[in-house]
Amino acid sequence: MRPAIAIKPSRSRFVSVRGLRCHLREWGEPGAPQLVLLHGWMDVSASFQFVVDAFERDLARGRADWRGFGLSEAGPGDCYWFPDYLGDLDSILDQVSPDEPATLVGHSMGGNVALLYAGVRPARVRAAVNLEGSD
């Protein structure tokens, strides 16, 4: 029998991201290593709960629901382009990791955004992990 894994509590807060009200879900304590978890298409930040629960120590601090997903406000258009996500991520990093490069962990579409962002803004990224994204 496998031991039960405790569900780590998260906190929600809202920040302004390029004129939109954006939801951040945070786990762990301030000072924990900065992981930015980027969800995929049709997911939300809470999709990473099972990943965070499996960490042996506090790692994650602030993760956003992309524009139009979860509790984040939708933009004015009926679709979004990768430049929208790159700009949003840049704004989010200004708020959650202003003084140090962040480790980006992206799933599916989030993995694509993480790798594109690492190529465009390499000084802002310590490492990028792509979970089931395109290469």
Protein backbone atom coordinates (compact mmCIF):
# COMPACT_ATOMS: atom_id res chain seq x y z
CA MET A 1 0.00 0.00 0.00
CA ARG A 2 1.35 3.42 -0.96
CA PRO A 3 1.50 6.10 1.73
CA ALA A 4 -1.04 8.90 1.45
CA ILE A 5 0.22 12.16 0.05
CA ALA A 6 -0.91 15.26 1.92
CA ILE A 7 -2.52 18.01 -0.12
CA LYS A 8 -0.44 21.16 0.23
CA PRO A 9 -2.56 24.27 0.69
CA SER A 10 -2.49 27.04 -1.87
CA ARG A 11 -3.29 30.73 -1.64
CA SER A 12 -4.90 32.89 -4.31
CA ARG A 13 -4.16 36.47 -5.18
CA PHE A 14 -4.86 38.72 -8.10
CA VAL A 15 -2.40 40.96 -9.93
CA SER A 16 -2.62 43.24 -12.93
CA VAL A 17 -1.01 41.73 -16.01
CA ARG A 18 -0.96 44.04 -19.01
CA GLY A 19 -4.32 45.54 -18.08
CA LEU A 20 -6.02 42.26 -17.17
CA ARG A 21 -6.91 40.91 -13.72
CA CYS A 22 -4.79 37.76 -13.43
CA HIS A 23 -5.17 35.00 -10.84
CA LEU A 24 -2.03 33.67 -9.15
CA ARG A 25 -2.10 30.45 -7.16
CA GLU A 26 0.76 30.17 -4.68
CA TRP A 27 2.13 27.22 -2.78
CA GLY A 28 5.04 27.09 -0.36
CA GLU A 29 6.60 29.80 1.71
CA PRO A 30 8.33 33.02 0.67
CA GLY A 31 11.99 32.27 0.13
CA ALA A 32 11.35 28.83 -1.36
CA PRO A 33 13.07 28.24 -4.71
CA GLN A 34 11.09 29.94 -7.47
CA LEU A 35 9.28 27.59 -9.82
CA VAL A 36 6.85 29.06 -12.29
CA LEU A 37 4.38 26.36 -13.34
CA LEU A 38 2.75 27.12 -16.69
CA HIS A 39 -0.41 25.15 -17.43
CA GLY A 40 -1.50 23.85 -20.81
CA TRP A 41 -4.45 24.54 -23.03
CA MET A 42 -7.78 23.98 -21.24
CA ASP A 43 -6.04 23.57 -17.87
CA VAL A 44 -5.66 25.95 -14.94
CA SER A 45 -3.01 26.61 -12.30
CA ALA A 46 -4.73 24.14 -9.95
CA SER A 47 -3.87 21.39 -12.46
CA PHE A 48 -0.41 21.36 -10.87
CA GLN A 49 -1.76 20.47 -7.39
CA PHE A 50 -0.75 16.79 -7.71
CA VAL A 51 2.76 17.81 -8.80
CA VAL A 52 3.19 20.22 -5.89
CA ASP A 53 1.88 17.58 -3.46
CA ALA A 54 4.59 15.18 -4.65
CA PHE A 55 7.45 17.61 -3.90
CA GLU A 56 9.43 16.57 -0.84
CA ARG A 57 10.06 20.22 0.07
CA ASP A 58 8.48 23.57 -0.70
CA LEU A 59 9.39 24.63 -4.20
CA ALA A 60 6.51 26.44 -5.83
CA ARG A 61 5.50 30.00 -5.03
CA GLY A 62 3.42 31.73 -7.68
CA ARG A 63 1.59 30.32 -10.71
CA ALA A 64 -0.89 32.06 -12.94
CA ASP A 65 -4.01 31.08 -14.74
CA TRP A 66 -3.35 32.26 -18.32
CA ARG A 67 -5.61 35.03 -19.66
CA GLY A 68 -9.09 33.65 -20.22
CA PHE A 69 -8.43 30.51 -18.13
CA GLY A 70 -9.43 29.71 -14.55
CA LEU A 71 -10.01 32.85 -12.52
CA SER A 72 -8.03 35.18 -14.82
CA GLU A 73 -9.81 37.78 -16.88
CA ALA A 74 -10.17 37.22 -20.61
CA GLY A 75 -8.64 39.66 -23.05
CA PRO A 76 -10.63 41.71 -25.56
CA GLY A 77 -10.20 39.31 -28.51
CA ASP A 78 -11.71 35.91 -29.17
CA CYS A 79 -8.33 34.18 -29.41
CA TYR A 80 -4.81 34.62 -28.06
CA TRP A 81 -1.45 34.43 -29.78
CA PHE A 82 1.85 33.30 -28.34
CA PRO A 83 3.10 36.92 -28.17
CA ASP A 84 0.19 37.55 -25.74
CA TYR A 85 1.37 34.70 -23.50
CA LEU A 86 5.02 35.81 -23.73
CA GLY A 87 4.09 39.36 -22.73
CA ASP A 88 1.91 38.07 -19.90
CA LEU A 89 4.69 35.82 -18.61
CA ASP A 90 7.15 38.72 -18.70
CA SER A 91 4.75 40.80 -16.59
CA ILE A 92 4.11 37.92 -14.18
CA LEU A 93 7.86 37.37 -13.69
CA ASP A 94 8.28 41.09 -12.98
CA GLN A 95 5.89 40.53 -10.07
CA VAL A 96 6.84 37.09 -8.71
CA SER A 97 10.58 37.00 -9.44
CA PRO A 98 11.77 40.54 -10.13
CA ASP A 99 15.35 40.14 -8.94
CA GLU A 100 16.33 36.64 -9.98
CA PRO A 101 15.90 34.30 -12.94
CA ALA A 102 13.05 31.83 -12.52
CA THR A 103 12.77 28.16 -13.31
CA LEU A 104 9.92 27.63 -15.76
CA VAL A 105 8.03 24.32 -15.81
CA GLY A 106 5.45 24.18 -18.56
CA HIS A 107 2.97 21.52 -19.58
CA SER A 108 1.77 21.29 -23.20
CA MET A 109 1.03 24.85 -24.37
CA GLY A 110 2.74 26.12 -21.20
CA GLY A 111 5.87 24.17 -22.21
CA ASN A 112 5.84 25.87 -25.60
CA VAL A 113 5.53 29.28 -23.92
CA ALA A 114 8.34 28.42 -21.48
CA LEU A 115 10.76 27.46 -24.26
CA LEU A 116 9.86 30.43 -26.46
CA TYR A 117 10.28 32.79 -23.50
CA ALA A 118 13.64 31.23 -22.57
CA GLY A 119 14.81 31.88 -26.12
CA VAL A 120 13.58 35.48 -26.16
CA ARG A 121 14.56 36.46 -22.59
CA PRO A 122 17.37 34.05 -21.55
CA ALA A 123 18.60 36.30 -18.72
CA ARG A 124 15.20 35.95 -16.99
CA VAL A 125 15.28 32.12 -17.01
CA ARG A 126 17.42 29.90 -14.78
CA ALA A 127 16.09 26.70 -16.38
CA ALA A 128 13.13 25.59 -18.48
CA VAL A 129 11.37 22.24 -18.28
CA ASN A 130 8.99 21.16 -21.04
CA LEU A 131 6.39 18.55 -20.07
CA GLU A 132 4.70 17.18 -23.17
CA GLY A 133 5.06 20.32 -25.25
CA SER A 134 6.17 20.56 -28.85
CA ASP A 135 9.85 20.76 -29.60
